[in-house]
Each structure stands twice: as structure tokens, then as C-alpha cells.
C-alpha atoms as a PDB file:
ATOM      1  CA  ALA A   1      25.026  11.588   8.127  1.00  0.00           C
ATOM      2  CA  ASN A   2      21.960  10.506   6.166  1.00  0.00           C
ATOM      3  CA  ALA A   3      21.034   6.940   7.124  1.00  0.00           C
ATOM      4  CA  GLY A   4      18.686   6.613   4.161  1.00  0.00           C
ATOM      5  CA  PRO A   5      14.937   6.154   4.146  1.00  0.00           C
ATOM      6  CA  THR A   6      13.093   4.939   7.220  1.00  0.00           C
ATOM      7  CA  PRO A   7      12.294   1.221   6.782  1.00  0.00           C
ATOM      8  CA  ARG A   8       8.685   0.971   5.585  1.00  0.00           C
ATOM      9  CA  LEU A   9       6.647  -1.674   3.864  1.00  0.00           C
ATOM     10  CA  TYR A  10       4.343   0.910   2.263  1.00  0.00           C
ATOM     11  CA  PHE A  11       4.222   4.652   1.573  1.00  0.00           C
ATOM     12  CA  PHE A  12       1.203   6.456   3.074  1.00  0.00           C
ATOM     13  CA  LEU A  13       1.016   9.992   1.672  1.00  0.00           C
ATOM     14  CA  GLU A  14      -1.544  12.806   1.844  1.00  0.00           C
ATOM     15  CA  SER A  15      -1.610  16.000  -0.193  1.00  0.00           C
ATOM     16  CA  PRO A  16      -3.865  18.500  -1.950  1.00  0.00           C
ATOM     17  CA  ALA A  17      -3.998  18.347  -5.728  1.00  0.00           C
ATOM     18  CA  GLY A  18      -1.291  20.292  -7.579  1.00  0.00           C
ATOM     19  CA  ARG A  19       1.566  19.471  -5.176  1.00  0.00           C
ATOM     20  CA  THR A  20       4.824  17.601  -5.770  1.00  0.00           C
ATOM     21  CA  LEU A  21       5.953  15.031  -3.192  1.00  0.00           C
ATOM     22  CA  THR A  22       9.515  13.716  -2.825  1.00  0.00           C
ATOM     23  CA  ASP A  23      10.636  10.482  -1.184  1.00  0.00           C
ATOM     24  CA  SER A  24      13.045   7.616  -1.769  1.00  0.00           C
ATOM     25  CA  VAL A  25      13.001   3.836  -1.942  1.00  0.00           C
ATOM     26  CA  ARG A  26      15.784   1.396  -1.103  1.00  0.00           C
ATOM     27  CA  VAL A  27      16.699  -1.403  -3.516  1.00  0.00           C
ATOM     28  CA  ILE A  28      18.767  -4.276  -2.094  1.00  0.00           C
ATOM     29  CA  ASN A  29      20.588  -7.003  -4.015  1.00  0.00           C
ATOM     30  CA  ARG A  30      20.578 -10.013  -1.678  1.00  0.00           C
ATOM     31  CA  THR A  31      22.166 -12.381  -4.214  1.00  0.00           C
ATOM     32  CA  ASP A  32      25.822 -13.337  -4.662  1.00  0.00           C
ATOM     33  CA  THR A  33      26.043 -11.893  -8.175  1.00  0.00           C
ATOM     34  CA  GLU A  34      25.763  -8.425  -9.690  1.00  0.00           C
ATOM     35  CA  ARG A  35      22.222  -7.451 -10.662  1.00  0.00           C
ATOM     36  CA  THR A  36      20.797  -4.703 -12.848  1.00  0.00           C
ATOM     37  CA  PHE A  37      17.338  -3.389 -11.977  1.00  0.00           C
ATOM     38  CA  THR A  38      14.835  -1.266 -13.858  1.00  0.00           C
ATOM     39  CA  VAL A  39      12.986   0.971 -11.398  1.00  0.00           C
ATOM     40  CA  TYR A  40       9.669   2.620 -12.319  1.00  0.00           C
ATOM     41  CA  GLY A  41       6.370   3.890 -10.937  1.00  0.00           C
ATOM     42  CA  ALA A  42       3.264   1.793 -11.553  1.00  0.00           C
ATOM     43  CA  ASP A  43      -0.513   1.907 -11.111  1.00  0.00           C
ATOM     44  CA  ALA A  44      -2.112  -0.629  -8.792  1.00  0.00           C
ATOM     45  CA  TYR A  45      -5.124  -2.723  -9.715  1.00  0.00           C
ATOM     46  CA  ASN A  46      -7.063  -5.737  -8.495  1.00  0.00           C
ATOM     47  CA  THR A  47      -7.089  -8.835 -10.645  1.00  0.00           C
ATOM     48  CA  ALA A  48     -10.383  -9.599 -12.373  1.00  0.00           C
ATOM     49  CA  ARG A  49     -10.370 -13.031 -10.734  1.00  0.00           C
ATOM     50  CA  ASP A  50     -10.260 -13.228  -6.917  1.00  0.00           C
ATOM     51  CA  GLY A  51      -9.319  -9.553  -6.414  1.00  0.00           C
ATOM     52  CA  GLY A  52      -5.582  -9.968  -5.862  1.00  0.00           C
ATOM     53  CA  PHE A  53      -3.510  -6.770  -5.484  1.00  0.00           C
ATOM     54  CA  ALA A  54      -1.076  -6.175  -8.349  1.00  0.00           C
ATOM     55  CA  LEU A  55       1.113  -3.485  -9.929  1.00  0.00           C
ATOM     56  CA  ARG A  56       1.161  -2.916 -13.670  1.00  0.00           C
ATOM     57  CA  GLN A  57       4.146  -4.017 -15.693  1.00  0.00           C
ATOM     58  CA  LEU A  58       6.509  -1.573 -17.365  1.00  0.00           C
ATOM     59  CA  THR A  59       5.073  -2.407 -20.794  1.00  0.00           C
ATOM     60  CA  GLU A  60       1.475  -1.763 -19.698  1.00  0.00           C
ATOM     61  CA  LYS A  61      -0.276   1.585 -19.972  1.00  0.00           C
ATOM     62  CA  GLN A  62      -0.153   3.673 -16.797  1.00  0.00           C
ATOM     63  CA  SER A  63      -2.760   6.344 -16.057  1.00  0.00           C
ATOM     64  CA  ASP A  64      -2.441   7.401 -12.418  1.00  0.00           C
ATOM     65  CA  ILE A  65       0.431   6.984  -9.949  1.00  0.00           C
ATOM     66  CA  GLY A  66       2.446   5.382 -12.737  1.00  0.00           C
ATOM     67  CA  VAL A  67       2.205   8.595 -14.779  1.00  0.00           C
ATOM     68  CA  TRP A  68       2.661  11.005 -11.890  1.00  0.00           C
ATOM     69  CA  THR A  69       5.828   9.296 -10.593  1.00  0.00           C
ATOM     70  CA  VAL A  70       9.351  10.078 -11.839  1.00  0.00           C
ATOM     71  CA  VAL A  71      12.175   7.874 -10.529  1.00  0.00           C
ATOM     72  CA  GLY A  72      15.618   9.421 -10.082  1.00  0.00           C
ATOM     73  CA  ALA A  73      17.422   6.413 -11.549  1.00  0.00           C
ATOM     74  CA  GLY A  74      15.533   4.334 -14.080  1.00  0.00           C
ATOM     75  CA  THR A  75      18.336   1.738 -14.089  1.00  0.00           C
ATOM     76  CA  VAL A  76      20.553   0.791 -11.158  1.00  0.00           C
ATOM     77  CA  VAL A  77      23.453  -1.696 -11.102  1.00  0.00           C
ATOM     78  CA  LEU A  78      24.068  -3.315  -7.725  1.00  0.00           C
ATOM     79  CA  PRO A  79      27.050  -5.464  -6.736  1.00  0.00           C
ATOM     80  CA  PRO A  80      26.388  -8.572  -4.615  1.00  0.00           C
ATOM     81  CA  LYS A  81      24.852  -7.783  -1.193  1.00  0.00           C
ATOM     82  CA  ALA A  82      24.766  -4.073  -2.032  1.00  0.00           C
ATOM     83  CA  GLN A  83      21.936  -1.552  -1.777  1.00  0.00           C
ATOM     84  CA  ALA A  84      20.983   1.830  -3.183  1.00  0.00           C
ATOM     85  CA  ASP A  85      18.499   4.539  -2.170  1.00  0.00           C
ATOM     86  CA  ILE A  86      16.579   5.751  -5.207  1.00  0.00           C
ATOM     87  CA  PRO A  87      14.757   9.118  -4.975  1.00  0.00           C
ATOM     88  CA  PHE A  88      11.419   9.641  -6.665  1.00  0.00           C
ATOM     89  CA  THR A  89       8.875  12.424  -7.031  1.00  0.00           C
ATOM     90  CA  ILE A  90       5.108  12.304  -7.400  1.00  0.00           C
ATOM     91  CA  THR A  91       3.592  15.309  -9.154  1.00  0.00           C
ATOM     92  CA  ILE A  92      -0.140  15.422  -8.476  1.00  0.00           C
ATOM     93  CA  PRO A  93      -2.128  17.123 -11.257  1.00  0.00           C
ATOM     94  CA  THR A  94      -4.238  20.126 -10.296  1.00  0.00           C
ATOM     95  CA  ASN A  95      -7.324  18.301 -11.583  1.00  0.00           C
ATOM     96  CA  ALA A  96      -6.602  15.060  -9.722  1.00  0.00           C
ATOM     97  CA  SER A  97      -9.777  13.547  -8.289  1.00  0.00           C
ATOM     98  CA  PRO A  98     -10.086  13.511  -4.479  1.00  0.00           C
ATOM     99  CA  GLY A  99      -9.661  10.244  -2.644  1.00  0.00           C
ATOM    100  CA  ASP A 100      -7.136   7.429  -2.788  1.00  0.00           C
ATOM    101  CA  HIS A 101      -4.710   6.867  -5.651  1.00  0.00           C
ATOM    102  CA  ILE A 102      -2.843   3.586  -5.299  1.00  0.00           C
ATOM    103  CA  GLY A 103       0.334   2.450  -6.996  1.00  0.00           C
ATOM    104  CA  GLY A 104       3.921   1.544  -6.225  1.00  0.00           C
ATOM    105  CA  ILE A 105       7.606   1.683  -7.049  1.00  0.00           C
ATOM    106  CA  VAL A 106       8.749  -1.478  -8.841  1.00  0.00           C
ATOM    107  CA  ALA A 107      12.302  -2.804  -9.091  1.00  0.00           C
ATOM    108  CA  MET A 108      12.486  -5.395 -11.870  1.00  0.00           C
ATOM    109  CA  GLU A 109      15.502  -7.395 -13.003  1.00  0.00           C
ATOM    110  CA  SER A 110      16.590  -6.030 -16.363  1.00  0.00           C
ATOM    111  CA  VAL A 111      17.725  -9.526 -17.377  1.00  0.00           C
ATOM    112  CA  PRO A 112      15.947 -12.698 -16.250  1.00  0.00           C
ATOM    113  CA  GLY A 113      17.814 -14.055 -13.257  1.00  0.00           C
ATOM    114  CA  GLY A 114      16.153 -17.409 -12.852  1.00  0.00           C
ATOM    115  CA  ARG A 115      14.717 -20.339 -14.740  1.00  0.00           C
ATOM    116  CA  SER A 116      11.837 -22.708 -14.167  1.00  0.00           C
ATOM    117  CA  GLU A 117      10.343 -25.652 -16.005  1.00  0.00           C
ATOM    118  CA  GLN A 118       6.761 -25.703 -17.258  1.00  0.00           C
ATOM    119  CA  ASN A 119       5.473 -28.765 -19.112  1.00  0.00           C
ATOM    120  CA  GLY A 120       9.026 -29.858 -19.794  1.00  0.00           C
ATOM    121  CA  VAL A 121      10.051 -26.477 -21.267  1.00  0.00           C
ATOM    122  CA  ALA A 122      12.645 -24.238 -19.597  1.00  0.00           C
ATOM    123  CA  VAL A 123      11.245 -20.744 -18.959  1.00  0.00           C
ATOM    124  CA  ALA A 124      13.254 -17.643 -18.028  1.00  0.00           C
ATOM    125  CA  VAL A 125      12.018 -15.941 -14.850  1.00  0.00           C
ATOM    126  CA  GLN A 126      12.257 -12.159 -14.533  1.00  0.00           C
ATOM    127  CA  ARG A 127      11.796 -11.239 -10.888  1.00  0.00           C
ATOM    128  CA  ALA A 128      10.331  -7.990  -9.598  1.00  0.00           C
ATOM    129  CA  VAL A 129       9.490  -6.508  -6.201  1.00  0.00           C
ATOM    130  CA  GLY A 130       7.363  -3.487  -5.376  1.00  0.00           C
ATOM    131  CA  ALA A 131       6.736  -1.013  -2.558  1.00  0.00           C
ATOM    132  CA  ARG A 132       3.095   0.111  -2.415  1.00  0.00           C
ATOM    133  CA  ILE A 133       2.105   3.777  -2.458  1.00  0.00           C
ATOM    134  CA  TYR A 134      -1.179   4.881  -0.871  1.00  0.00           C
ATOM    135  CA  LEU A 135      -1.725   8.519  -1.804  1.00  0.00           C
ATOM    136  CA  ARG A 136      -4.811  10.364  -0.576  1.00  0.00           C
ATOM    137  CA  VAL A 137      -5.695  13.568  -2.415  1.00  0.00           C
ATOM    138  CA  ALA A 138      -7.647  16.043  -0.293  1.00  0.00           C
ATOM    139  CA  GLY A 139     -11.365  16.442  -0.969  1.00  0.00           C
ATOM    140  CA  PRO A 140     -14.715  14.718  -0.413  1.00  0.00           C
ATOM    141  CA  GLU A 141     -14.432  11.075   0.629  1.00  0.00           C
ATOM    142  CA  THR A 142     -17.128   8.680  -0.589  1.00  0.00           C
ATOM    143  CA  PRO A 143     -16.451   5.014   0.294  1.00  0.00           C
ATOM    144  CA  GLY A 144     -18.686   2.418  -1.324  1.00  0.00           C
ATOM    145  CA  LEU A 145     -18.986  -1.314  -2.038  1.00  0.00           C
ATOM    146  CA  ASN A 146     -21.337  -3.247  -4.270  1.00  0.00           C
ATOM    147  CA  LEU A 147     -22.193  -6.937  -4.603  1.00  0.00           C
ATOM    148  CA  ALA A 148     -23.869  -8.296  -7.730  1.00  0.00           C
ATOM    149  CA  ASP A 149     -24.430 -11.337  -9.949  1.00  0.00           C
ATOM    150  CA  LEU A 150     -24.536 -14.062  -7.286  1.00  0.00           C
ATOM    151  CA  ASP A 151     -24.518 -17.500  -8.913  1.00  0.00           C
ATOM    152  CA  LEU A 152     -24.264 -20.898  -7.226  1.00  0.00           C
ATOM    153  CA  ASP A 153     -22.599 -23.337  -9.608  1.00  0.00           C
ATOM    154  CA  HIS A 154     -22.916 -27.070  -8.911  1.00  0.00           C
ATOM    155  CA  PRO A 155     -22.734 -30.333 -10.847  1.00  0.00           C
ATOM    156  CA  THR A 156     -25.930 -32.190 -11.669  1.00  0.00           C
ATOM    157  CA  PRO A 157     -25.674 -35.149  -9.295  1.00  0.00           C
ATOM    158  CA  TRP A 158     -26.515 -38.489 -10.899  1.00  0.00           C
ATOM    159  CA  LEU A 159     -26.335 -40.350  -7.637  1.00  0.00           C
ATOM    160  CA  PRO A 160     -28.430 -39.394  -4.615  1.00  0.00           C
ATOM    161  CA  THR A 161     -25.364 -38.336  -2.584  1.00  0.00           C
ATOM    162  CA  PRO A 162     -24.214 -34.918  -1.244  1.00  0.00           C
ATOM    163  CA  VAL A 163     -22.353 -32.732  -3.752  1.00  0.00           C
ATOM    164  CA  ASP A 164     -20.024 -29.725  -3.740  1.00  0.00           C
ATOM    165  CA  GLY A 165     -20.806 -26.286  -5.139  1.00  0.00           C
ATOM    166  CA  ALA A 166     -19.188 -22.893  -5.690  1.00  0.00           C
ATOM    167  CA  LEU A 167     -20.771 -19.486  -5.201  1.00  0.00           C
ATOM    168  CA  GLU A 168     -19.523 -16.788  -7.568  1.00  0.00           C
ATOM    169  CA  TYR A 169     -20.234 -13.087  -7.113  1.00  0.00           C
ATOM    170  CA  THR A 170     -18.927  -9.728  -8.314  1.00  0.00           C
ATOM    171  CA  LEU A 171     -17.445  -7.380  -5.719  1.00  0.00           C
ATOM    172  CA  ALA A 172     -16.794  -3.764  -6.710  1.00  0.00           C
ATOM    173  CA  ASN A 173     -15.234  -0.779  -4.957  1.00  0.00           C
ATOM    174  CA  THR A 174     -17.615   1.948  -6.129  1.00  0.00           C
ATOM    175  CA  GLY A 175     -16.199   4.776  -3.996  1.00  0.00           C
ATOM    176  CA  ASN A 176     -13.019   6.847  -4.082  1.00  0.00           C
ATOM    177  CA  LEU A 177     -11.271   5.271  -1.073  1.00  0.00           C
ATOM    178  CA  ARG A 178      -9.182   2.136  -0.795  1.00  0.00           C
ATOM    179  CA  LEU A 179     -11.077  -0.526   1.189  1.00  0.00           C
ATOM    180  CA  ALA A 180     -10.124  -3.744   2.966  1.00  0.00           C
ATOM    181  CA  PRO A 181     -13.564  -5.341   3.361  1.00  0.00           C
ATOM    182  CA  THR A 182     -14.463  -8.200   5.652  1.00  0.00           C
ATOM    183  CA  ILE A 183     -16.417 -10.734   3.595  1.00  0.00           C
ATOM    184  CA  THR A 184     -18.739 -13.299   5.147  1.00  0.00           C
ATOM    185  CA  VAL A 185     -20.366 -16.019   3.042  1.00  0.00           C
ATOM    186  CA  THR A 186     -23.004 -18.327   4.519  1.00  0.00           C
ATOM    187  CA  ALA A 187     -25.234 -21.005   3.020  1.00  0.00           C
ATOM    188  CA  SER A 188     -27.994 -23.307   4.213  1.00  0.00           C
ATOM    189  CA  GLY A 189     -30.106 -25.922   2.509  1.00  0.00           C
ATOM    190  CA  MET A 190     -33.605 -27.291   2.692  1.00  0.00           C
ATOM    191  CA  PHE A 191     -35.024 -27.513   6.245  1.00  0.00           C
ATOM    192  CA  GLY A 192     -32.134 -25.289   7.348  1.00  0.00           C
ATOM    193  CA  HIS A 193     -29.392 -27.925   7.132  1.00  0.00           C
ATOM    194  CA  ARG A 194     -25.878 -26.491   7.247  1.00  0.00           C
ATOM    195  CA  ILE A 195     -23.690 -26.213   4.163  1.00  0.00           C
ATOM    196  CA  HIS A 196     -19.999 -25.853   4.954  1.00  0.00           C
ATOM    197  CA  GLN A 197     -17.540 -23.461   3.315  1.00  0.00           C
ATOM    198  CA  ARG A 198     -14.291 -24.910   1.976  1.00  0.00           C
ATOM    199  CA  GLY A 199     -11.192 -22.765   2.420  1.00  0.00           C
ATOM    200  CA  ALA A 200     -10.748 -19.319   3.924  1.00  0.00           C
ATOM    201  CA  THR A 201     -12.285 -16.077   2.677  1.00  0.00           C
ATOM    202  CA  PRO A 202      -9.522 -13.963   1.051  1.00  0.00           C
ATOM    203  CA  GLN A 203      -8.201 -10.765   2.630  1.00  0.00           C
ATOM    204  CA  LEU A 204      -8.658  -8.033   0.022  1.00  0.00           C
ATOM    205  CA  ASP A 205      -7.071  -4.635  -0.590  1.00  0.00           C
ATOM    206  CA  LEU A 206      -9.458  -3.021  -3.091  1.00  0.00           C
ATOM    207  CA  VAL A 207      -8.388   0.084  -4.981  1.00  0.00           C
ATOM    208  CA  PRO A 208     -11.072   2.582  -6.100  1.00  0.00           C
ATOM    209  CA  GLY A 209     -12.850   1.341  -9.204  1.00  0.00           C
ATOM    210  CA  ALA A 210     -11.806  -2.292  -8.683  1.00  0.00           C
ATOM    211  CA  GLU A 211     -14.244  -4.978  -9.822  1.00  0.00           C
ATOM    212  CA  SER A 212     -13.443  -8.642  -9.305  1.00  0.00           C
ATOM    213  CA  ARG A 213     -15.211 -11.965  -9.667  1.00  0.00           C
ATOM    214  CA  MET A 214     -14.970 -13.837  -6.378  1.00  0.00           C
ATOM    215  CA  ARG A 215     -15.546 -17.530  -5.694  1.00  0.00           C
ATOM    216  CA  THR A 216     -16.383 -19.453  -2.516  1.00  0.00           C
ATOM    217  CA  ARG A 217     -16.558 -23.245  -2.451  1.00  0.00           C
ATOM    218  CA  PHE A 218     -19.120 -25.233  -0.465  1.00  0.00           C
ATOM    219  CA  THR A 219     -19.603 -28.856   0.467  1.00  0.00           C
ATOM    220  CA  GLY A 220     -22.645 -30.731   1.762  1.00  0.00           C
ATOM    221  CA  LEU A 221     -25.370 -29.817  -0.750  1.00  0.00           C
ATOM    222  CA  TRP A 222     -28.116 -32.407  -0.781  1.00  0.00           C
ATOM    223  CA  PRO A 223     -28.880 -34.105  -4.129  1.00  0.00           C
ATOM    224  CA  VAL A 224     -32.339 -32.538  -3.979  1.00  0.00           C
ATOM    225  CA  ASP A 225     -32.011 -29.205  -2.227  1.00  0.00           C
ATOM    226  CA  LEU A 226     -32.995 -25.547  -2.047  1.00  0.00           C
ATOM    227  CA  VAL A 227     -29.815 -23.619  -1.184  1.00  0.00           C
ATOM    228  CA  THR A 228     -29.900 -20.102   0.248  1.00  0.00           C
ATOM    229  CA  ALA A 229     -26.530 -18.306   0.044  1.00  0.00           C
ATOM    230  CA  THR A 230     -25.777 -14.874   1.491  1.00  0.00           C
ATOM    231  CA  VAL A 231     -22.719 -12.664   0.963  1.00  0.00           C
ATOM    232  CA  THR A 232     -21.984  -9.773   3.329  1.00  0.00           C
ATOM    233  CA  ALA A 233     -19.202  -7.232   2.670  1.00  0.00           C
ATOM    234  CA  LYS A 234     -18.339  -4.746   5.411  1.00  0.00           C
ATOM    235  CA  ALA A 235     -15.642  -2.075   5.550  1.00  0.00           C
ATOM    236  CA  ASP A 236     -14.577   0.870   7.696  1.00  0.00           C
ATOM    237  CA  GLY A 237     -16.663   4.001   7.463  1.00  0.00           C
ATOM    238  CA  GLY A 238     -19.997   2.239   7.882  1.00  0.00           C
ATOM    239  CA  VAL A 239     -19.831   0.581   4.473  1.00  0.00           C
ATOM    240  CA  LEU A 240     -22.099  -2.481   4.308  1.00  0.00           C
ATOM    241  CA  THR A 241     -23.674  -4.415   1.460  1.00  0.00           C
ATOM    242  CA  VAL A 242     -25.592  -7.729   1.577  1.00  0.00           C
ATOM    243  CA  ARG A 243     -26.899  -9.959  -1.216  1.00  0.00           C
ATOM    244  CA  THR A 244     -28.769 -13.288  -1.139  1.00  0.00           C
ATOM    245  CA  THR A 245     -29.528 -15.880  -3.800  1.00  0.00           C
ATOM    246  CA  ARG A 246     -31.543 -19.117  -3.812  1.00  0.00           C
ATOM    247  CA  THR A 247     -30.718 -22.089  -6.008  1.00  0.00           C
ATOM    248  CA  VAL A 248     -32.519 -25.383  -6.627  1.00  0.00           C
ATOM    249  CA  VAL A 249     -30.341 -28.501  -6.741  1.00  0.00           C
ATOM    250  CA  VAL A 250     -31.884 -31.523  -8.465  1.00  0.00           C
ATOM    251  CA  SER A 251     -30.539 -35.043  -8.860  1.00  0.00           C
ATOM    252  CA  TRP A 252     -32.833 -36.737 -11.386  1.00  0.00           C
ATOM    253  CA  THR A 253     -31.816 -40.160 -10.109  1.00  0.00           C
ATOM    254  CA  GLY A 254     -32.587 -38.926  -6.602  1.00  0.00           C
ATOM    255  CA  VAL A 255     -35.962 -37.638  -7.768  1.00  0.00           C
ATOM    256  CA  ALA A 256     -36.615 -40.969  -9.494  1.00  0.00           C
ATOM    257  CA  ALA A 257     -35.664 -42.875  -6.345  1.00  0.00           C
ATOM    258  CA  LEU A 258     -37.916 -40.634  -4.240  1.00  0.00           C
ATOM    259  CA  ALA A 259     -40.767 -41.062  -6.739  1.00  0.00           C
ATOM    260  CA  ALA A 260     -40.253 -44.839  -6.653  1.00  0.00           C
ATOM    261  CA  LEU A 261     -40.441 -44.844  -2.857  1.00  0.00           C
ATOM    262  CA  ILE A 262     -43.620 -42.764  -2.927  1.00  0.00           C
ATOM    263  CA  ALA A 263     -45.155 -45.013  -5.586  1.00  0.00           C
ATOM    264  CA  ALA A 264     -44.264 -48.128  -3.576  1.00  0.00           C
ATOM    265  CA  ALA A 265     -45.827 -46.596  -0.467  1.00  0.00           C
ATOM    266  CA  VAL A 266     -49.018 -45.744  -2.399  1.00  0.00           C
ATOM    267  CA  VAL A 267     -49.252 -49.264  -3.847  1.00  0.00           C
ATOM    268  CA  ALA A 268     -48.763 -50.801  -0.404  1.00  0.00           C
ATOM    269  CA  TRP A 269     -51.429 -48.543   1.074  1.00  0.00           C
ATOM    270  CA  ARG A 270     -53.930 -49.424  -1.690  1.00  0.00           C
ATOM    271  CA  ARG A 271     -53.309 -53.135  -1.255  1.00  0.00           C
ATOM    272  CA  ARG A 272     -53.920 -52.832   2.454  1.00  0.00           C
ATOM    273  CA  ARG A 273     -57.197 -50.989   1.847  1.00  0.00           C
ATOM    274  CA  ARG A 274     -58.352 -53.574  -0.667  1.00  0.00           C
ATOM    275  CA  ALA A 275     -57.553 -56.383   1.734  1.00  0.00           C
ATOM    276  CA  GLN A 276     -59.604 -54.698   4.426  1.00  0.00           C
ATOM    277  CA  VAL A 277     -62.615 -54.265   2.088  1.00  0.00           C
ATOM    278  CA  ALA A 278     -62.502 -57.873   0.773  1.00  0.00           C
ATOM    279  CA  ARG A 279     -62.275 -59.454   4.235  1.00  0.00           C
ATOM    280  CA  PRO A 280     -65.670 -61.345   5.024  1.00  0.00           C
ATOM    281  CA  ARG A 281     -67.627 -60.010   7.911  1.00  0.00           C
ATOM    282  CA  GLY A 282     -68.117 -62.258  10.916  1.00  0.00           C
ATOM    283  CA  VAL A 283     -71.404 -64.354  10.999  1.00  0.00           C
ATOM    284  CA  ARG A 284     -73.451 -63.997  14.129  1.00  0.00           C
ATOM    285  CA  ARG A 285     -74.684 -67.193  15.703  1.00  0.00           C
ATOM    286  CA  VAL A 286     -78.227 -66.934  17.062  1.00  0.00           C
ATOM    287  CA  ARG A 287     -79.326 -69.470  19.626  1.00  0.00           C
ATOM    288  CA  ALA A 288     -82.945 -70.620  19.345  1.00  0.00           C
ATOM    289  CA  HIS A 289     -84.673 -71.185  22.545  1.00  0.00           C
ATOM    290  CA  ALA A 290     -87.584 -73.753  22.457  1.00  0.00           C
ATOM    291  CA  GLU A 291     -90.032 -73.903  25.182  1.00  0.00           C
ATOM    292  CA  VAL A 292     -91.952 -77.111  25.784  1.00  0.00           C
ATOM    293  CA  GLY A 293     -95.382 -76.750  27.332  1.00  0.00           C
END
């Protein structure tokens, strides 16, 4: 008897171009009511902000896995606590580019099954789940990462107190392989004082061609500071890229306070010098010796 597909979180497939692959995905209704699902193939992408992994919606244009994938049942009706195994095929074009092609199989409620409230307005919620597909087409493999456009954003501090900042940078997967880079962000200020990162660095799953604007928050910038920030991105296959930027932080009230302290020190020094010059020199007393013959 066929027990259905082997439980998997993701599909990892390899094939030359021009082949057709067949597999199946299991859809489970865990609710207490009947549910109707629309099942379709979708392209994967990384969000333009923060690089989150996502699958395109049914109404969006598909150009890769989403076009190559045909699902055996576009609509499936499941009773409560029931499940169904849905076959699908992926037909790889003969001119498909070598490397990784990422997508997924999405099961979306045909009718919104939940509601939420946003700003006092009831909103229908249409839930969807997806199983990722990582398909590698045979051919030359060229992994690559690029960092660009580093920019340290910070408020202009009016008071001479430490401030927070945020480093933004663009991270791009320039190769033809999916990459899960390790990102390290460090920063130091004037005289090498430490600037601390706020929050954890995200774990990314970058599809080929992805380009996202990343953001790392810092705390402990001095009101008058020269901040050096460095971003390092490293991935399997010897992929490494490093970028550094330097940013001047200026608190005009801090500068004014520093200037006032310097001016006060100069005035005090001049007064001391003048006092030393004006002080009368000591008068020598000469004793006269008279000799009486």
C-alpha cells in the first residue's frame, strides 16, 4: 500500500535541463470545519526590505518554478481533520539556466477562514501555507554575494548625550546558487570605543538574483563621534565580501559646550599669565658696612 509522500519540510531536487520531475505534496486540514484550498506552484523571492523569504501569490506573475509546475488538483476540498496527497510535475525547459531555481507549492484557502481587527476595522484573513522547492539545474555553478550602499543613519543630537543609529546596506545574491550567508556587523567610535548592536542579525535564505536593503541598529554613539562600521557577508563555497563606511556624528550643542570649555580654559590660562607678568619683583636689601678709622 502507498503510504503517501515521505514527510519533508522542503523538496531538494536535481536535474539536467529538459527533464520532467514528478512528486507529490500533502495538504492537511487541521480545523474542525470543511476547508477548500487552491493549490498552485509559485516562484520564490526575497523581500526588498530585510530579505525575508516569500512565495508569490496566485495573482502575481510567475516566471520560473511557478511556470514550470503543474499541480494535479488545482482545488481540493477537505473535510475536518482530513488530508490529501496532491501530485505535481515540474517540466524544466531545455534552455533553463544552470544553478538553483527556487519556488514552492502553495495551499491557500479559497475563502477567507479568519478575521482580524486593524484600526477598528474587521479584516478577512485568507491563510496560506507553502512547501519550498529547491531545484538545481545541472551546469556551471557560480556563487556570489555583493554588499553596497552602506549608510549610517542617526539623529542629530541636540544634547551632549549618547545616541542610537542604524546602519543600512544592500545585500545581493549575484550568483546562480541559493545562499544562506552569515552576516557580521561591527562598529566602533572615536578612540576605538565600542558601539553595541541592538537585536540579532537575521538568518537569510537568498535566492539567485535577490537584492534586499538590510538594517542593523546600534546604540552608544557619542554626540561628537567618528563611527567606523563594517559589514562582512560569508557563505559556503568560499564566498566572502566586506565593506566599511565611516560617518561623522555631530551634536552642535555638544560642540558649543566643548568650545565653551576650551574658551574658558584659554581665558583662565591668559589671566594666570597676566598675573604672573604684573607681579612686582622682590627688592633686594643691601647692607652698608661703615668702617671707622
